[in-house]
Amino acid sequence: MSLKLITAAVMLAATFTSPLVAQEMDHSKMGHGSMQTMAQPKGDNGPSSQAFAEANATMHEGMDITFTGNADIDFVRGMIAHHRGAIDMAKIELEYGKDENLRKLAEGIISAQEAEIKTMKDWLARNGG
């Protein structure tokens, strides 16, 4: 095979795959990659950092809903996962955090978010979500 033919083939392949690669790169920058990819913390890899990365990945996966076109249902379904993420992060603060004010805040977040999740689940049950 000639060098010209190989070069042409490589350039042709790059032309057709570049938009796909660019699309995937943009998608990953939006934080919607796989849970395994997202669960790798940036920076520190200690236990609390790993726990936060996993909570964040779980939350984003839960928020990746199939939209119905009904803003009320879509809002509630996305927010339930968002609130669960807040609860998970607050529990991590309680496990690893030292600051008493932040620990009290985390306890309040857990209580408030659990109550709001119950309200949203009840609403979904009444409204066909």
C-alpha atoms as a PDB file:
ATOM      1  CA  MET A   1       0.000   0.000   0.000  1.00  0.00           C
ATOM      2  CA  SER A   2       1.410   3.399  -0.885  1.00  0.00           C
ATOM      3  CA  LEU A   3       2.073   6.157   1.630  1.00  0.00           C
ATOM      4  CA  LYS A   4      -0.388   8.427  -0.214  1.00  0.00           C
ATOM      5  CA  LEU A   5      -3.148   5.839   0.064  1.00  0.00           C
ATOM      6  CA  ILE A   6      -2.482   5.262   3.781  1.00  0.00           C
ATOM      7  CA  THR A   7      -2.414   9.025   4.442  1.00  0.00           C
ATOM      8  CA  ALA A   8      -5.664   9.495   2.519  1.00  0.00           C
ATOM      9  CA  ALA A   9      -7.327   6.674   4.464  1.00  0.00           C
ATOM     10  CA  VAL A  10      -6.234   8.114   7.825  1.00  0.00           C
ATOM     11  CA  MET A  11      -7.450  11.601   6.878  1.00  0.00           C
ATOM     12  CA  LEU A  12     -10.778  10.217   5.663  1.00  0.00           C
ATOM     13  CA  ALA A  13     -11.265   8.268   8.884  1.00  0.00           C
ATOM     14  CA  ALA A  14     -10.402  11.353  10.953  1.00  0.00           C
ATOM     15  CA  THR A  15     -12.876  13.443   8.985  1.00  0.00           C
ATOM     16  CA  PHE A  16     -15.752  11.112   9.767  1.00  0.00           C
ATOM     17  CA  THR A  17     -14.873  10.297  13.384  1.00  0.00           C
ATOM     18  CA  SER A  18     -13.851  13.763  14.616  1.00  0.00           C
ATOM     19  CA  PRO A  19     -17.452  14.986  15.091  1.00  0.00           C
ATOM     20  CA  LEU A  20     -18.251  11.845  17.084  1.00  0.00           C
ATOM     21  CA  VAL A  21     -15.203  12.261  19.293  1.00  0.00           C
ATOM     22  CA  ALA A  22     -15.970  15.945  19.798  1.00  0.00           C
ATOM     23  CA  GLN A  23     -19.563  15.103  20.669  1.00  0.00           C
ATOM     24  CA  GLU A  24     -18.451  12.550  23.254  1.00  0.00           C
ATOM     25  CA  MET A  25     -15.950  14.963  24.748  1.00  0.00           C
ATOM     26  CA  ASP A  26     -18.596  17.658  25.104  1.00  0.00           C
ATOM     27  CA  HIS A  27     -20.962  15.141  26.676  1.00  0.00           C
ATOM     28  CA  SER A  28     -18.409  14.070  29.259  1.00  0.00           C
ATOM     29  CA  LYS A  29     -17.635  17.682  30.169  1.00  0.00           C
ATOM     30  CA  MET A  30     -21.302  18.091  31.064  1.00  0.00           C
ATOM     31  CA  GLY A  31     -20.931  15.551  33.847  1.00  0.00           C
ATOM     32  CA  HIS A  32     -23.239  12.971  32.333  1.00  0.00           C
ATOM     33  CA  GLY A  33     -20.691  10.205  31.796  1.00  0.00           C
ATOM     34  CA  SER A  34     -21.006   6.755  33.244  1.00  0.00           C
ATOM     35  CA  MET A  35     -21.229   6.382  37.000  1.00  0.00           C
ATOM     36  CA  GLN A  36     -17.911   4.542  37.055  1.00  0.00           C
ATOM     37  CA  THR A  37     -16.154   7.412  35.275  1.00  0.00           C
ATOM     38  CA  MET A  38     -17.802  10.057  37.425  1.00  0.00           C
ATOM     39  CA  ALA A  39     -17.049   8.242  40.693  1.00  0.00           C
ATOM     40  CA  GLN A  40     -13.345   9.012  40.352  1.00  0.00           C
ATOM     41  CA  PRO A  41     -12.769  12.117  42.471  1.00  0.00           C
ATOM     42  CA  LYS A  42     -10.770  14.980  41.075  1.00  0.00           C
ATOM     43  CA  GLY A  43      -7.851  15.855  43.306  1.00  0.00           C
ATOM     44  CA  ASP A  44      -7.764  14.009  46.614  1.00  0.00           C
ATOM     45  CA  ASN A  45      -8.639  10.296  46.595  1.00  0.00           C
ATOM     46  CA  GLY A  46      -9.215   9.870  50.327  1.00  0.00           C
ATOM     47  CA  PRO A  47     -12.277   8.188  51.816  1.00  0.00           C
ATOM     48  CA  SER A  48     -14.459  11.311  52.063  1.00  0.00           C
ATOM     49  CA  SER A  49     -13.514  12.435  48.555  1.00  0.00           C
ATOM     50  CA  GLN A  50     -14.349   9.001  47.169  1.00  0.00           C
ATOM     51  CA  ALA A  51     -17.666   9.013  49.052  1.00  0.00           C
ATOM     52  CA  PHE A  52     -18.567  12.467  47.681  1.00  0.00           C
ATOM     53  CA  ALA A  53     -17.645  11.408  44.133  1.00  0.00           C
ATOM     54  CA  GLU A  54     -19.827   8.305  44.412  1.00  0.00           C
ATOM     55  CA  ALA A  55     -22.741  10.286  45.855  1.00  0.00           C
ATOM     56  CA  ASN A  56     -22.406  12.818  43.054  1.00  0.00           C
ATOM     57  CA  ALA A  57     -22.344  10.080  40.406  1.00  0.00           C
ATOM     58  CA  THR A  58     -25.399   8.380  41.904  1.00  0.00           C
ATOM     59  CA  MET A  59     -27.285  11.675  42.049  1.00  0.00           C
ATOM     60  CA  HIS A  60     -26.504  12.554  38.435  1.00  0.00           C
ATOM     61  CA  GLU A  61     -27.477   9.084  37.284  1.00  0.00           C
ATOM     62  CA  GLY A  62     -30.792   9.428  39.139  1.00  0.00           C
ATOM     63  CA  MET A  63     -31.402  12.861  37.627  1.00  0.00           C
ATOM     64  CA  ASP A  64     -30.896  11.475  34.124  1.00  0.00           C
ATOM     65  CA  ILE A  65     -34.623  10.883  33.679  1.00  0.00           C
ATOM     66  CA  THR A  66     -36.626  10.298  30.526  1.00  0.00           C
ATOM     67  CA  PHE A  67     -38.593  13.505  30.157  1.00  0.00           C
ATOM     68  CA  THR A  68     -42.365  13.248  29.793  1.00  0.00           C
ATOM     69  CA  GLY A  69     -43.142  16.752  28.568  1.00  0.00           C
ATOM     70  CA  ASN A  70     -45.088  17.361  31.776  1.00  0.00           C
ATOM     71  CA  ALA A  71     -42.983  19.958  33.603  1.00  0.00           C
ATOM     72  CA  ASP A  72     -44.513  19.125  36.976  1.00  0.00           C
ATOM     73  CA  ILE A  73     -43.754  15.402  36.773  1.00  0.00           C
ATOM     74  CA  ASP A  74     -40.291  15.957  35.282  1.00  0.00           C
ATOM     75  CA  PHE A  75     -39.466  18.530  37.976  1.00  0.00           C
ATOM     76  CA  VAL A  76     -40.491  16.236  40.812  1.00  0.00           C
ATOM     77  CA  ARG A  77     -38.755  13.148  39.396  1.00  0.00           C
ATOM     78  CA  GLY A  78     -35.500  15.057  38.914  1.00  0.00           C
ATOM     79  CA  MET A  79     -35.701  16.758  42.280  1.00  0.00           C
ATOM     80  CA  ILE A  80     -36.206  13.497  44.182  1.00  0.00           C
ATOM     81  CA  ALA A  81     -32.824  12.290  42.922  1.00  0.00           C
ATOM     82  CA  HIS A  82     -31.314  15.715  43.613  1.00  0.00           C
ATOM     83  CA  HIS A  83     -32.590  15.676  47.196  1.00  0.00           C
ATOM     84  CA  ARG A  84     -31.329  12.123  47.703  1.00  0.00           C
ATOM     85  CA  GLY A  85     -27.930  13.412  46.600  1.00  0.00           C
ATOM     86  CA  ALA A  86     -28.113  16.166  49.213  1.00  0.00           C
ATOM     87  CA  ILE A  87     -28.961  13.576  51.862  1.00  0.00           C
ATOM     88  CA  ASP A  88     -26.066  11.374  50.782  1.00  0.00           C
ATOM     89  CA  MET A  89     -23.652  14.318  50.940  1.00  0.00           C
ATOM     90  CA  ALA A  90     -24.966  15.342  54.360  1.00  0.00           C
ATOM     91  CA  LYS A  91     -24.416  11.794  55.628  1.00  0.00           C
ATOM     92  CA  ILE A  92     -20.830  11.958  54.364  1.00  0.00           C
ATOM     93  CA  GLU A  93     -20.374  15.210  56.306  1.00  0.00           C
ATOM     94  CA  LEU A  94     -21.673  13.466  59.427  1.00  0.00           C
ATOM     95  CA  GLU A  95     -19.296  10.552  58.896  1.00  0.00           C
ATOM     96  CA  TYR A  96     -16.140  12.536  58.106  1.00  0.00           C
ATOM     97  CA  GLY A  97     -16.740  16.183  59.015  1.00  0.00           C
ATOM     98  CA  LYS A  98     -15.475  17.786  62.206  1.00  0.00           C
ATOM     99  CA  ASP A  99     -17.104  21.239  62.241  1.00  0.00           C
ATOM    100  CA  GLU A 100     -20.057  21.156  64.662  1.00  0.00           C
ATOM    101  CA  ASN A 101     -21.967  23.893  62.796  1.00  0.00           C
ATOM    102  CA  LEU A 102     -21.695  21.998  59.511  1.00  0.00           C
ATOM    103  CA  ARG A 103     -22.690  18.764  61.203  1.00  0.00           C
ATOM    104  CA  LYS A 104     -25.849  20.466  62.554  1.00  0.00           C
ATOM    105  CA  LEU A 105     -26.514  21.864  59.074  1.00  0.00           C
ATOM    106  CA  ALA A 106     -26.123  18.353  57.622  1.00  0.00           C
ATOM    107  CA  GLU A 107     -28.630  16.982  60.134  1.00  0.00           C
ATOM    108  CA  GLY A 108     -31.099  19.700  59.157  1.00  0.00           C
ATOM    109  CA  ILE A 109     -30.565  18.983  55.460  1.00  0.00           C
ATOM    110  CA  ILE A 110     -31.304  15.293  56.000  1.00  0.00           C
ATOM    111  CA  SER A 111     -34.506  16.054  57.891  1.00  0.00           C
ATOM    112  CA  ALA A 112     -35.743  18.696  55.429  1.00  0.00           C
ATOM    113  CA  GLN A 113     -34.850  16.760  52.283  1.00  0.00           C
ATOM    114  CA  GLU A 114     -36.446  13.542  53.555  1.00  0.00           C
ATOM    115  CA  ALA A 115     -39.683  15.437  54.249  1.00  0.00           C
ATOM    116  CA  GLU A 116     -39.599  17.042  50.794  1.00  0.00           C
ATOM    117  CA  ILE A 117     -38.950  13.685  49.118  1.00  0.00           C
ATOM    118  CA  LYS A 118     -41.996  12.266  50.915  1.00  0.00           C
ATOM    119  CA  THR A 119     -44.087  15.225  49.719  1.00  0.00           C
ATOM    120  CA  MET A 120     -42.887  14.760  46.131  1.00  0.00           C
ATOM    121  CA  LYS A 121     -43.466  10.988  46.158  1.00  0.00           C
ATOM    122  CA  ASP A 122     -46.974  11.526  47.507  1.00  0.00           C
ATOM    123  CA  TRP A 123     -47.593  14.107  44.762  1.00  0.00           C
ATOM    124  CA  LEU A 124     -46.363  11.680  42.086  1.00  0.00           C
ATOM    125  CA  ALA A 125     -48.641   8.957  43.457  1.00  0.00           C
ATOM    126  CA  ARG A 126     -51.638  11.303  43.239  1.00  0.00           C
ATOM    127  CA  ASN A 127     -50.733  12.680  39.816  1.00  0.00           C
ATOM    128  CA  GLY A 128     -49.783   9.633  37.782  1.00  0.00           C
ATOM    129  CA  GLY A 129     -46.035  10.121  37.858  1.00  0.00           C
END
